[in-house]
Each structure stands twice: as structure tokens, then as C-alpha cells.
Amino acid sequence: MTNFKTLFKLNSFSEDPDARAVAAELLQERYNCEIHSVEMDPTVQFAHNGKGCTIASSKISSGVIIFQNVTIGANQTYNKGTSKWENLGGPVIGRNVIIADGAKVVGPVIVGDNSIIGTGAIITKDVPANSIAFGVNKIKKRDADYDPIFYTDMPDHDATIAACNAVIERYNSEV
């Protein structure tokens, strides 16, 4: 069986249109994931096999990490008065950006390098480089000393379980 990484690479980078089409269909069927980008760097990573992601971007740059259930896409509107489409174009995601679980980045916006889009954020405006975006278009400067969502040296399984047990104990002591 072909895994997510192989299907992602075929879907996004294959020169063979038939292979791209088959990979796109399998990504949708197996992972509920749709990925289309005018320009995407091969170093882009999808956590949790891109489950639930819908990606329709202008560009996704190097070092980007995208978590599950993320939407990156357009939000164009048709102006009946002028008979023209407005707000056309998909987002450009800068280098080394992290887009957390359930975030939505829509419209012709730019997310600057080294920024983080927080869990559940809805972003329809440009995000400056080195920022953290959260809530609905809320943005603050990123503290360079912290990587609050992802870091290559992640805690091991035992440390994670111990932390979960501490939260359970705290809950049990309050009940």
C-alpha cells in the first residue's frame, strides 16, 4: 500500500498528470486530504498524514509544517454591482511557518517567514514575519526563545505520559 508521503510527493511534484490524478484521488479517499498549490517546496511536511487538510495555495515555502484539519485556500467573492470577482488568489506561506491543528488561512494573504498560525486560528489578513497568529486575525510578535508548537527534539513517550498523568492527578484532586 502506498503511504501518505509517497502520495503527497506524486500529487504535488510528479510530471505525469495521470500519476498526479491517481495520487490526488487516493489522498482524498485514504486521508480526507486535498492538496493543490501553484508552487510548493519539497521540504513541506504534513503532521498526522495531512488528515482532513484542504490546501489550495499560491505558494508554500521551505520548512513549512502543516498539522491536521488545516484549510489553506481562497475566499473570493463575486461583486454583482461590478460583475467582477474580488479577493482572488490563495495564500503564500513563507519559510519555516508552522500551521497548527484546525487553523484556517484564506484569501490572497501572505504569512511571513518563521511565523506560527495557532490552533483553530482564522486568518484573512497578512501575518508579518516572526509572528504568532491566533484567534480571528489576532497577531503578536513571536518570542524567538520559544517554539510553542513543534520542535525537532520532541519529548519522548514516557515524558508525555507522565505529563498526562500529572494533569489527571490534578483533576482527581479537585473532584
N, C-alpha and C. Protein backbone atom coordinates (compact mmCIF):
# COMPACT_ATOMS: atom_id res chain seq x y z
N MET A 1 0.84 -1.18 0.00
CA MET A 1 0.00 0.00 0.00
C MET A 1 0.89 1.25 0.00
N THR A 2 0.54 2.24 -0.77
CA THR A 2 1.31 3.47 -0.86
C THR A 2 0.97 4.36 0.33
N ASN A 3 2.01 4.90 1.00
CA ASN A 3 1.79 5.71 2.19
C ASN A 3 1.56 7.18 1.83
N PHE A 4 1.25 7.97 2.86
CA PHE A 4 0.92 9.38 2.66
C PHE A 4 2.06 10.14 1.99
N LYS A 5 3.28 9.96 2.47
CA LYS A 5 4.41 10.73 1.93
C LYS A 5 4.59 10.47 0.44
N THR A 6 4.46 9.22 0.03
CA THR A 6 4.60 8.89 -1.39
C THR A 6 3.47 9.52 -2.20
N LEU A 7 2.24 9.41 -1.70
CA LEU A 7 1.11 10.01 -2.42
C LEU A 7 1.24 11.53 -2.49
N PHE A 8 1.68 12.15 -1.39
CA PHE A 8 1.87 13.59 -1.36
C PHE A 8 2.89 14.02 -2.43
N LYS A 9 4.01 13.30 -2.49
CA LYS A 9 5.04 13.64 -3.47
C LYS A 9 4.54 13.46 -4.90
N LEU A 10 3.82 12.37 -5.16
CA LEU A 10 3.27 12.16 -6.50
C LEU A 10 2.26 13.26 -6.85
N ASN A 11 1.36 13.55 -5.92
CA ASN A 11 0.32 14.55 -6.13
C ASN A 11 0.90 15.94 -6.38
N SER A 12 1.96 16.28 -5.66
CA SER A 12 2.47 17.64 -5.70
C SER A 12 3.62 17.87 -6.68
N PHE A 13 4.38 16.79 -7.01
CA PHE A 13 5.61 17.02 -7.76
C PHE A 13 5.78 16.15 -9.01
N SER A 14 4.92 15.19 -9.24
CA SER A 14 5.08 14.32 -10.41
C SER A 14 4.86 15.10 -11.70
N GLU A 15 5.65 14.77 -12.71
CA GLU A 15 5.48 15.36 -14.04
C GLU A 15 4.38 14.64 -14.82
N ASP A 16 3.98 13.48 -14.34
CA ASP A 16 2.97 12.66 -15.01
C ASP A 16 1.57 13.06 -14.52
N PRO A 17 0.74 13.67 -15.37
CA PRO A 17 -0.59 14.11 -14.92
C PRO A 17 -1.48 12.96 -14.47
N ASP A 18 -1.31 11.78 -15.07
CA ASP A 18 -2.11 10.63 -14.64
C ASP A 18 -1.72 10.19 -13.24
N ALA A 19 -0.42 10.16 -12.95
CA ALA A 19 0.05 9.79 -11.61
C ALA A 19 -0.44 10.81 -10.58
N ARG A 20 -0.42 12.09 -10.96
CA ARG A 20 -0.91 13.13 -10.05
C ARG A 20 -2.39 12.92 -9.75
N ALA A 21 -3.16 12.61 -10.77
CA ALA A 21 -4.61 12.42 -10.59
C ALA A 21 -4.91 11.22 -9.69
N VAL A 22 -4.20 10.13 -9.90
CA VAL A 22 -4.40 8.94 -9.07
C VAL A 22 -4.00 9.24 -7.63
N ALA A 23 -2.88 9.90 -7.44
CA ALA A 23 -2.42 10.24 -6.09
C ALA A 23 -3.42 11.17 -5.40
N ALA A 24 -3.95 12.15 -6.11
CA ALA A 24 -4.93 13.07 -5.53
C ALA A 24 -6.17 12.30 -5.08
N GLU A 25 -6.61 11.38 -5.90
CA GLU A 25 -7.79 10.58 -5.55
C GLU A 25 -7.53 9.72 -4.32
N LEU A 26 -6.36 9.11 -4.24
CA LEU A 26 -6.02 8.27 -3.08
C LEU A 26 -5.82 9.11 -1.81
N LEU A 27 -5.26 10.30 -1.93
CA LEU A 27 -5.14 11.18 -0.76
C LEU A 27 -6.52 11.52 -0.21
N GLN A 28 -7.45 11.80 -1.11
CA GLN A 28 -8.81 12.13 -0.68
C GLN A 28 -9.48 10.91 -0.03
N GLU A 29 -9.36 9.77 -0.67
CA GLU A 29 -10.00 8.55 -0.19
C GLU A 29 -9.43 8.06 1.15
N ARG A 30 -8.11 8.05 1.27
CA ARG A 30 -7.47 7.46 2.45
C ARG A 30 -7.27 8.44 3.61
N TYR A 31 -7.07 9.72 3.28
CA TYR A 31 -6.69 10.68 4.32
C TYR A 31 -7.64 11.89 4.40
N ASN A 32 -8.69 11.89 3.57
CA ASN A 32 -9.59 13.04 3.50
C ASN A 32 -8.78 14.33 3.34
N CYS A 33 -7.84 14.29 2.42
CA CYS A 33 -6.87 15.36 2.24
C CYS A 33 -6.82 15.75 0.76
N GLU A 34 -6.87 17.06 0.53
CA GLU A 34 -6.78 17.59 -0.83
C GLU A 34 -5.66 18.61 -0.86
N ILE A 35 -4.71 18.44 -1.77
CA ILE A 35 -3.55 19.32 -1.82
C ILE A 35 -3.33 19.83 -3.24
N HIS A 36 -3.45 21.14 -3.40
CA HIS A 36 -3.17 21.80 -4.68
C HIS A 36 -2.43 23.10 -4.38
N SER A 37 -1.28 23.28 -4.97
CA SER A 37 -0.52 24.50 -4.77
C SER A 37 0.16 24.87 -6.08
N VAL A 38 0.12 26.15 -6.43
CA VAL A 38 0.79 26.60 -7.65
C VAL A 38 2.28 26.33 -7.52
N GLU A 39 2.83 26.57 -6.32
CA GLU A 39 4.25 26.34 -6.07
C GLU A 39 4.42 25.81 -4.65
N MET A 40 5.08 24.65 -4.51
CA MET A 40 5.30 24.06 -3.20
C MET A 40 6.71 23.51 -3.11
N ASP A 41 7.38 23.82 -2.01
CA ASP A 41 8.73 23.31 -1.78
C ASP A 41 8.66 21.85 -1.34
N PRO A 42 9.57 21.00 -1.81
CA PRO A 42 9.54 19.58 -1.44
C PRO A 42 9.80 19.30 0.04
N THR A 43 10.25 20.31 0.81
CA THR A 43 10.50 20.07 2.23
C THR A 43 9.26 20.25 3.11
N VAL A 44 8.14 20.66 2.51
CA VAL A 44 6.90 20.83 3.28
C VAL A 44 6.53 19.50 3.93
N GLN A 45 6.12 19.57 5.21
CA GLN A 45 5.73 18.36 5.94
C GLN A 45 4.29 18.49 6.43
N PHE A 46 3.60 17.35 6.43
CA PHE A 46 2.26 17.27 6.98
C PHE A 46 2.28 16.35 8.18
N ALA A 47 1.96 16.89 9.36
CA ALA A 47 1.86 16.05 10.55
C ALA A 47 0.58 15.23 10.45
N HIS A 48 0.58 14.07 11.05
CA HIS A 48 -0.59 13.20 11.10
C HIS A 48 -1.13 12.88 9.71
N ASN A 49 -0.22 12.71 8.77
CA ASN A 49 -0.58 12.35 7.39
C ASN A 49 -1.57 13.31 6.75
N GLY A 50 -1.53 14.55 7.13
CA GLY A 50 -2.38 15.55 6.48
C GLY A 50 -3.86 15.31 6.63
N LYS A 51 -4.26 14.52 7.62
CA LYS A 51 -5.68 14.16 7.75
C LYS A 51 -6.56 15.39 7.84
N GLY A 52 -7.57 15.41 6.98
CA GLY A 52 -8.56 16.47 6.99
C GLY A 52 -8.11 17.79 6.40
N CYS A 53 -6.94 17.86 5.79
CA CYS A 53 -6.44 19.13 5.24
C CYS A 53 -7.01 19.41 3.86
N THR A 54 -7.32 20.66 3.62
CA THR A 54 -7.69 21.15 2.30
C THR A 54 -6.72 22.28 1.98
N ILE A 55 -5.89 22.07 0.98
CA ILE A 55 -4.84 23.03 0.64
C ILE A 55 -5.04 23.47 -0.81
N ALA A 56 -5.26 24.77 -0.99
CA ALA A 56 -5.34 25.38 -2.32
C ALA A 56 -4.60 26.70 -2.22
N SER A 57 -3.29 26.64 -2.36
CA SER A 57 -2.46 27.81 -2.08
C SER A 57 -1.76 28.33 -3.34
N SER A 58 -1.26 29.55 -3.21
CA SER A 58 -0.40 30.09 -4.26
C SER A 58 1.00 29.51 -4.11
N LYS A 59 1.53 29.55 -2.88
CA LYS A 59 2.88 29.06 -2.64
C LYS A 59 3.01 28.61 -1.19
N ILE A 60 3.71 27.48 -1.00
CA ILE A 60 4.10 27.04 0.33
C ILE A 60 5.61 26.84 0.29
N SER A 61 6.31 27.58 1.11
CA SER A 61 7.77 27.66 1.05
C SER A 61 8.45 26.55 1.86
N SER A 62 9.77 26.57 1.85
CA SER A 62 10.56 25.54 2.51
C SER A 62 10.39 25.54 4.02
N GLY A 63 10.47 24.35 4.60
CA GLY A 63 10.44 24.19 6.04
C GLY A 63 9.09 24.34 6.70
N VAL A 64 8.03 24.41 5.93
CA VAL A 64 6.68 24.59 6.49
C VAL A 64 6.19 23.25 7.05
N ILE A 65 5.51 23.33 8.20
CA ILE A 65 4.88 22.15 8.81
C ILE A 65 3.40 22.46 8.97
N ILE A 66 2.55 21.55 8.46
CA ILE A 66 1.11 21.73 8.49
C ILE A 66 0.50 20.57 9.28
N PHE A 67 -0.25 20.89 10.32
CA PHE A 67 -0.90 19.87 11.14
C PHE A 67 -2.25 19.48 10.55
N GLN A 68 -2.99 18.61 11.24
CA GLN A 68 -4.24 18.05 10.73
C GLN A 68 -5.36 19.09 10.70
N ASN A 69 -6.33 18.83 9.82
CA ASN A 69 -7.55 19.64 9.69
C ASN A 69 -7.30 21.11 9.38
N VAL A 70 -6.24 21.40 8.66
CA VAL A 70 -5.91 22.77 8.26
C VAL A 70 -6.53 23.07 6.91
N THR A 71 -7.02 24.29 6.75
CA THR A 71 -7.50 24.77 5.46
C THR A 71 -6.64 25.94 5.04
N ILE A 72 -6.11 25.86 3.85
CA ILE A 72 -5.41 26.98 3.23
C ILE A 72 -6.07 27.16 1.87
N GLY A 73 -6.69 28.32 1.64
CA GLY A 73 -7.41 28.46 0.39
C GLY A 73 -7.88 29.87 0.11
N ALA A 74 -8.69 29.99 -0.90
CA ALA A 74 -9.19 31.28 -1.37
C ALA A 74 -10.47 31.65 -0.63
N ASN A 75 -10.83 32.90 -0.71
CA ASN A 75 -12.14 33.37 -0.21
C ASN A 75 -12.68 34.47 -1.11
N GLN A 76 -12.60 34.22 -2.40
CA GLN A 76 -13.06 35.23 -3.35
C GLN A 76 -14.57 35.43 -3.27
N THR A 77 -14.99 36.61 -3.67
CA THR A 77 -16.41 36.94 -3.70
C THR A 77 -16.73 37.56 -5.06
N TYR A 78 -17.97 37.37 -5.47
CA TYR A 78 -18.44 37.94 -6.72
C TYR A 78 -19.21 39.22 -6.42
N ASN A 79 -18.78 40.33 -7.00
CA ASN A 79 -19.44 41.61 -6.83
C ASN A 79 -20.48 41.76 -7.92
N LYS A 80 -21.76 41.65 -7.54
CA LYS A 80 -22.84 41.72 -8.53
C LYS A 80 -22.94 43.12 -9.15
N GLY A 81 -22.55 44.14 -8.39
CA GLY A 81 -22.62 45.52 -8.91
C GLY A 81 -21.64 45.76 -10.04
N THR A 82 -20.43 45.20 -9.92
CA THR A 82 -19.41 45.39 -10.95
C THR A 82 -19.30 44.20 -11.89
N SER A 83 -20.00 43.13 -11.56
CA SER A 83 -19.92 41.88 -12.32
C SER A 83 -18.49 41.35 -12.41
N LYS A 84 -17.77 41.47 -11.29
CA LYS A 84 -16.37 41.01 -11.26
C LYS A 84 -16.10 40.24 -9.97
N TRP A 85 -15.14 39.32 -10.09
CA TRP A 85 -14.66 38.60 -8.91
C TRP A 85 -13.67 39.48 -8.16
N GLU A 86 -13.72 39.44 -6.84
CA GLU A 86 -12.81 40.20 -5.99
C GLU A 86 -12.12 39.26 -5.00
N ASN A 87 -11.01 39.70 -4.47
CA ASN A 87 -10.28 38.95 -3.45
C ASN A 87 -9.74 37.62 -3.99
N LEU A 88 -9.32 37.62 -5.25
CA LEU A 88 -8.83 36.39 -5.88
C LEU A 88 -7.43 36.03 -5.41
N GLY A 89 -7.14 34.77 -5.40
CA GLY A 89 -5.81 34.27 -5.10
C GLY A 89 -5.75 33.54 -3.77
N GLY A 90 -4.86 32.55 -3.72
CA GLY A 90 -4.66 31.79 -2.49
C GLY A 90 -3.47 32.32 -1.71
N PRO A 91 -3.35 31.90 -0.46
CA PRO A 91 -2.26 32.38 0.40
C PRO A 91 -0.87 31.97 -0.08
N VAL A 92 0.10 32.79 0.33
CA VAL A 92 1.52 32.46 0.22
C VAL A 92 1.99 32.22 1.66
N ILE A 93 2.55 31.04 1.89
CA ILE A 93 3.06 30.67 3.20
C ILE A 93 4.59 30.76 3.15
N GLY A 94 5.16 31.62 3.99
CA GLY A 94 6.61 31.85 3.99
C GLY A 94 7.40 30.68 4.54
N ARG A 95 8.70 30.85 4.59
CA ARG A 95 9.62 29.80 5.05
C ARG A 95 9.47 29.55 6.55
N ASN A 96 9.59 28.25 6.90
CA ASN A 96 9.63 27.81 8.31
C ASN A 96 8.39 28.20 9.10
N VAL A 97 7.25 28.22 8.46
CA VAL A 97 5.99 28.53 9.13
C VAL A 97 5.40 27.24 9.68
N ILE A 98 4.78 27.33 10.84
CA ILE A 98 4.05 26.20 11.44
C ILE A 98 2.59 26.58 11.45
N ILE A 99 1.74 25.70 10.90
CA ILE A 99 0.30 25.93 10.90
C ILE A 99 -0.33 24.81 11.73
N ALA A 100 -0.87 25.19 12.89
CA ALA A 100 -1.35 24.22 13.88
C ALA A 100 -2.75 23.68 13.54
N ASP A 101 -3.13 22.68 14.29
CA ASP A 101 -4.39 21.94 14.13
C ASP A 101 -5.58 22.87 13.91
N GLY A 102 -6.35 22.59 12.87
CA GLY A 102 -7.62 23.26 12.64
C GLY A 102 -7.54 24.70 12.20
N ALA A 103 -6.37 25.22 11.93
CA ALA A 103 -6.24 26.61 11.51
C ALA A 103 -6.77 26.80 10.09
N LYS A 104 -7.24 28.00 9.82
CA LYS A 104 -7.75 28.38 8.51
C LYS A 104 -7.00 29.63 8.06
N VAL A 105 -6.37 29.56 6.89
CA VAL A 105 -5.68 30.70 6.30
C VAL A 105 -6.28 30.87 4.92
N VAL A 106 -7.06 31.94 4.73
CA VAL A 106 -7.79 32.08 3.47
C VAL A 106 -7.64 33.47 2.87
N GLY A 107 -7.64 33.50 1.55
CA GLY A 107 -7.56 34.73 0.80
C GLY A 107 -6.17 35.00 0.27
N PRO A 108 -6.01 36.07 -0.46
CA PRO A 108 -4.72 36.42 -1.04
C PRO A 108 -3.81 37.07 0.00
N VAL A 109 -3.47 36.29 1.04
CA VAL A 109 -2.68 36.80 2.16
C VAL A 109 -1.28 36.21 2.14
N ILE A 110 -0.38 36.88 2.84
CA ILE A 110 0.99 36.40 2.99
C ILE A 110 1.24 36.12 4.46
N VAL A 111 1.72 34.91 4.76
CA VAL A 111 2.15 34.57 6.11
C VAL A 111 3.67 34.63 6.07
N GLY A 112 4.24 35.58 6.81
CA GLY A 112 5.67 35.83 6.77
C GLY A 112 6.50 34.70 7.35
N ASP A 113 7.77 34.66 6.97
CA ASP A 113 8.72 33.64 7.41
C ASP A 113 8.73 33.51 8.94
N ASN A 114 8.95 32.28 9.40
CA ASN A 114 9.15 31.95 10.82
C ASN A 114 7.95 32.28 11.70
N SER A 115 6.77 32.32 11.12
CA SER A 115 5.57 32.62 11.89
C SER A 115 4.87 31.33 12.29
N ILE A 116 3.98 31.45 13.25
CA ILE A 116 3.17 30.33 13.71
C ILE A 116 1.71 30.75 13.62
N ILE A 117 0.91 29.88 13.01
CA ILE A 117 -0.53 30.08 12.98
C ILE A 117 -1.09 29.11 14.02
N GLY A 118 -1.69 29.63 15.08
CA GLY A 118 -2.11 28.83 16.22
C GLY A 118 -3.30 27.93 15.94
N THR A 119 -3.49 26.99 16.84
CA THR A 119 -4.60 26.05 16.77
C THR A 119 -5.93 26.78 16.63
N GLY A 120 -6.71 26.41 15.62
CA GLY A 120 -8.04 26.97 15.42
C GLY A 120 -8.08 28.41 14.93
N ALA A 121 -6.95 28.99 14.61
CA ALA A 121 -6.93 30.39 14.15
C ALA A 121 -7.65 30.54 12.82
N ILE A 122 -8.23 31.71 12.62
CA ILE A 122 -8.83 32.08 11.34
C ILE A 122 -8.10 33.32 10.87
N ILE A 123 -7.35 33.18 9.78
CA ILE A 123 -6.51 34.27 9.31
C ILE A 123 -6.92 34.67 7.90
N THR A 124 -7.31 35.94 7.77
CA THR A 124 -7.72 36.50 6.47
C THR A 124 -6.93 37.77 6.14
N LYS A 125 -5.88 38.04 6.94
CA LYS A 125 -5.04 39.22 6.73
C LYS A 125 -3.58 38.79 6.75
N ASP A 126 -2.71 39.60 6.16
CA ASP A 126 -1.28 39.29 6.17
C ASP A 126 -0.76 39.15 7.60
N VAL A 127 0.19 38.23 7.76
CA VAL A 127 0.85 37.99 9.04
C VAL A 127 2.33 38.34 8.84
N PRO A 128 2.85 39.32 9.58
CA PRO A 128 4.26 39.68 9.41
C PRO A 128 5.19 38.53 9.80
N ALA A 129 6.39 38.54 9.27
CA ALA A 129 7.40 37.54 9.64
C ALA A 129 7.61 37.55 11.14
N ASN A 130 7.97 36.37 11.68
CA ASN A 130 8.30 36.22 13.10
C ASN A 130 7.15 36.59 14.03
N SER A 131 5.94 36.17 13.65
CA SER A 131 4.74 36.47 14.44
C SER A 131 4.04 35.18 14.86
N ILE A 132 3.13 35.34 15.80
CA ILE A 132 2.20 34.28 16.15
C ILE A 132 0.81 34.83 15.87
N ALA A 133 0.05 34.10 15.05
CA ALA A 133 -1.32 34.49 14.73
C ALA A 133 -2.25 33.53 15.45
N PHE A 134 -3.33 34.06 16.03
CA PHE A 134 -4.24 33.24 16.82
C PHE A 134 -5.63 33.87 16.76
N GLY A 135 -6.63 33.13 17.23
CA GLY A 135 -7.99 33.65 17.21
C GLY A 135 -8.38 34.05 15.80
N VAL A 136 -9.12 35.13 15.69
CA VAL A 136 -9.51 35.66 14.39
C VAL A 136 -8.66 36.90 14.11
N ASN A 137 -7.67 36.73 13.27
CA ASN A 137 -6.78 37.81 12.84
C ASN A 137 -6.08 38.54 13.99
N LYS A 138 -5.80 37.84 15.06
CA LYS A 138 -5.00 38.40 16.17
C LYS A 138 -3.55 38.02 15.92
N ILE A 139 -2.65 38.98 16.08
CA ILE A 139 -1.24 38.75 15.76
C ILE A 139 -0.36 39.39 16.83
N LYS A 140 0.66 38.65 17.27
CA LYS A 140 1.65 39.23 18.18
C LYS A 140 3.03 38.78 17.72
N LYS A 141 4.03 39.51 18.17
CA LYS A 141 5.41 39.18 17.82
C LYS A 141 5.78 37.85 18.46
N ARG A 142 6.48 37.02 17.72
CA ARG A 142 6.91 35.73 18.21
C ARG A 142 8.15 35.90 19.08
N ASP A 143 8.17 35.22 20.22
CA ASP A 143 9.34 35.20 21.10
C ASP A 143 10.32 34.18 20.53
N ALA A 144 11.46 34.64 20.07
CA ALA A 144 12.43 33.77 19.39
C ALA A 144 12.99 32.68 20.29
N ASP A 145 12.81 32.79 21.61
CA ASP A 145 13.33 31.77 22.53
C ASP A 145 12.40 30.57 22.68
N TYR A 146 11.20 30.63 22.08
CA TYR A 146 10.23 29.54 22.26
C TYR A 146 9.70 29.05 20.92
N ASP A 147 9.52 27.75 20.84
CA ASP A 147 8.80 27.10 19.75
C ASP A 147 7.61 26.41 20.39
N PRO A 148 6.48 27.10 20.49
CA PRO A 148 5.37 26.57 21.29
C PRO A 148 4.62 25.39 20.69
N ILE A 149 4.83 25.08 19.43
CA ILE A 149 4.04 24.01 18.81
C ILE A 149 4.89 22.84 18.37
N PHE A 150 6.00 23.07 17.77
CA PHE A 150 6.78 21.97 17.20
C PHE A 150 8.26 22.27 17.31
N TYR A 151 9.00 21.25 17.66
CA TYR A 151 10.45 21.36 17.70
C TYR A 151 11.00 19.98 17.37
N THR A 152 12.11 19.93 16.70
CA THR A 152 12.62 18.63 16.24
C THR A 152 12.95 17.68 17.38
N ASP A 153 13.29 18.20 18.55
CA ASP A 153 13.61 17.37 19.71
C ASP A 153 12.37 17.25 20.59
N MET A 154 11.37 16.50 20.12
CA MET A 154 10.11 16.36 20.84
C MET A 154 10.29 15.46 22.07
N PRO A 155 9.44 15.64 23.12
CA PRO A 155 9.55 14.79 24.31
C PRO A 155 9.26 13.33 23.95
N ASP A 156 9.90 12.42 24.68
CA ASP A 156 9.65 11.00 24.40
C ASP A 156 8.31 10.58 24.98
N HIS A 157 7.90 9.38 24.63
CA HIS A 157 6.59 8.85 25.01
C HIS A 157 6.40 8.85 26.53
N ASP A 158 7.41 8.39 27.27
CA ASP A 158 7.29 8.31 28.74
C ASP A 158 7.10 9.69 29.36
N ALA A 159 7.80 10.69 28.87
CA ALA A 159 7.65 12.05 29.39
C ALA A 159 6.24 12.59 29.11
N THR A 160 5.72 12.29 27.94
CA THR A 160 4.37 12.73 27.59
C THR A 160 3.34 12.05 28.49
N ILE A 161 3.46 10.75 28.70
CA ILE A 161 2.53 10.02 29.56
C ILE A 161 2.61 10.54 30.99
N ALA A 162 3.81 10.81 31.49
CA ALA A 162 3.98 11.34 32.84
C ALA A 162 3.27 12.70 32.97
N ALA A 163 3.41 13.54 31.97
CA ALA A 163 2.75 14.85 32.00
C ALA A 163 1.23 14.68 31.98
N CYS A 164 0.72 13.75 31.18
CA CYS A 164 -0.73 13.49 31.14
C CYS A 164 -1.21 12.98 32.49
N ASN A 165 -0.46 12.08 33.11
CA ASN A 165 -0.84 11.55 34.43
C ASN A 165 -0.86 12.66 35.48
N ALA A 166 0.04 13.63 35.39
CA ALA A 166 0.05 14.75 36.33
C ALA A 166 -1.22 15.58 36.18
N VAL A 167 -1.70 15.78 34.96
CA VAL A 167 -2.93 16.52 34.74
C VAL A 167 -4.12 15.72 35.30
N ILE A 168 -4.10 14.42 35.08
CA ILE A 168 -5.18 13.55 35.62
C ILE A 168 -5.21 13.63 37.14
N GLU A 169 -4.05 13.56 37.75
CA GLU A 169 -3.97 13.65 39.22
C GLU A 169 -4.50 14.99 39.72
N ARG A 170 -4.16 16.06 39.02
CA ARG A 170 -4.64 17.38 39.40
C ARG A 170 -6.16 17.43 39.31
N TYR A 171 -6.71 16.86 38.26
CA TYR A 171 -8.17 16.80 38.09
C TYR A 171 -8.79 16.00 39.22
N ASN A 172 -8.24 14.79 39.47
CA ASN A 172 -8.81 13.92 40.51
C ASN A 172 -8.77 14.58 41.89
N SER A 173 -7.77 15.39 42.17
CA SER A 173 -7.68 16.04 43.47
C SER A 173 -8.68 17.17 43.63
N GLU A 174 -9.22 17.66 42.51
CA GLU A 174 -10.20 18.75 42.56
C GLU A 174 -11.64 18.24 42.58
N VAL A 175 -11.85 16.96 42.29
CA VAL A 175 -13.22 16.42 42.19
C VAL A 175 -13.71 15.98 43.54
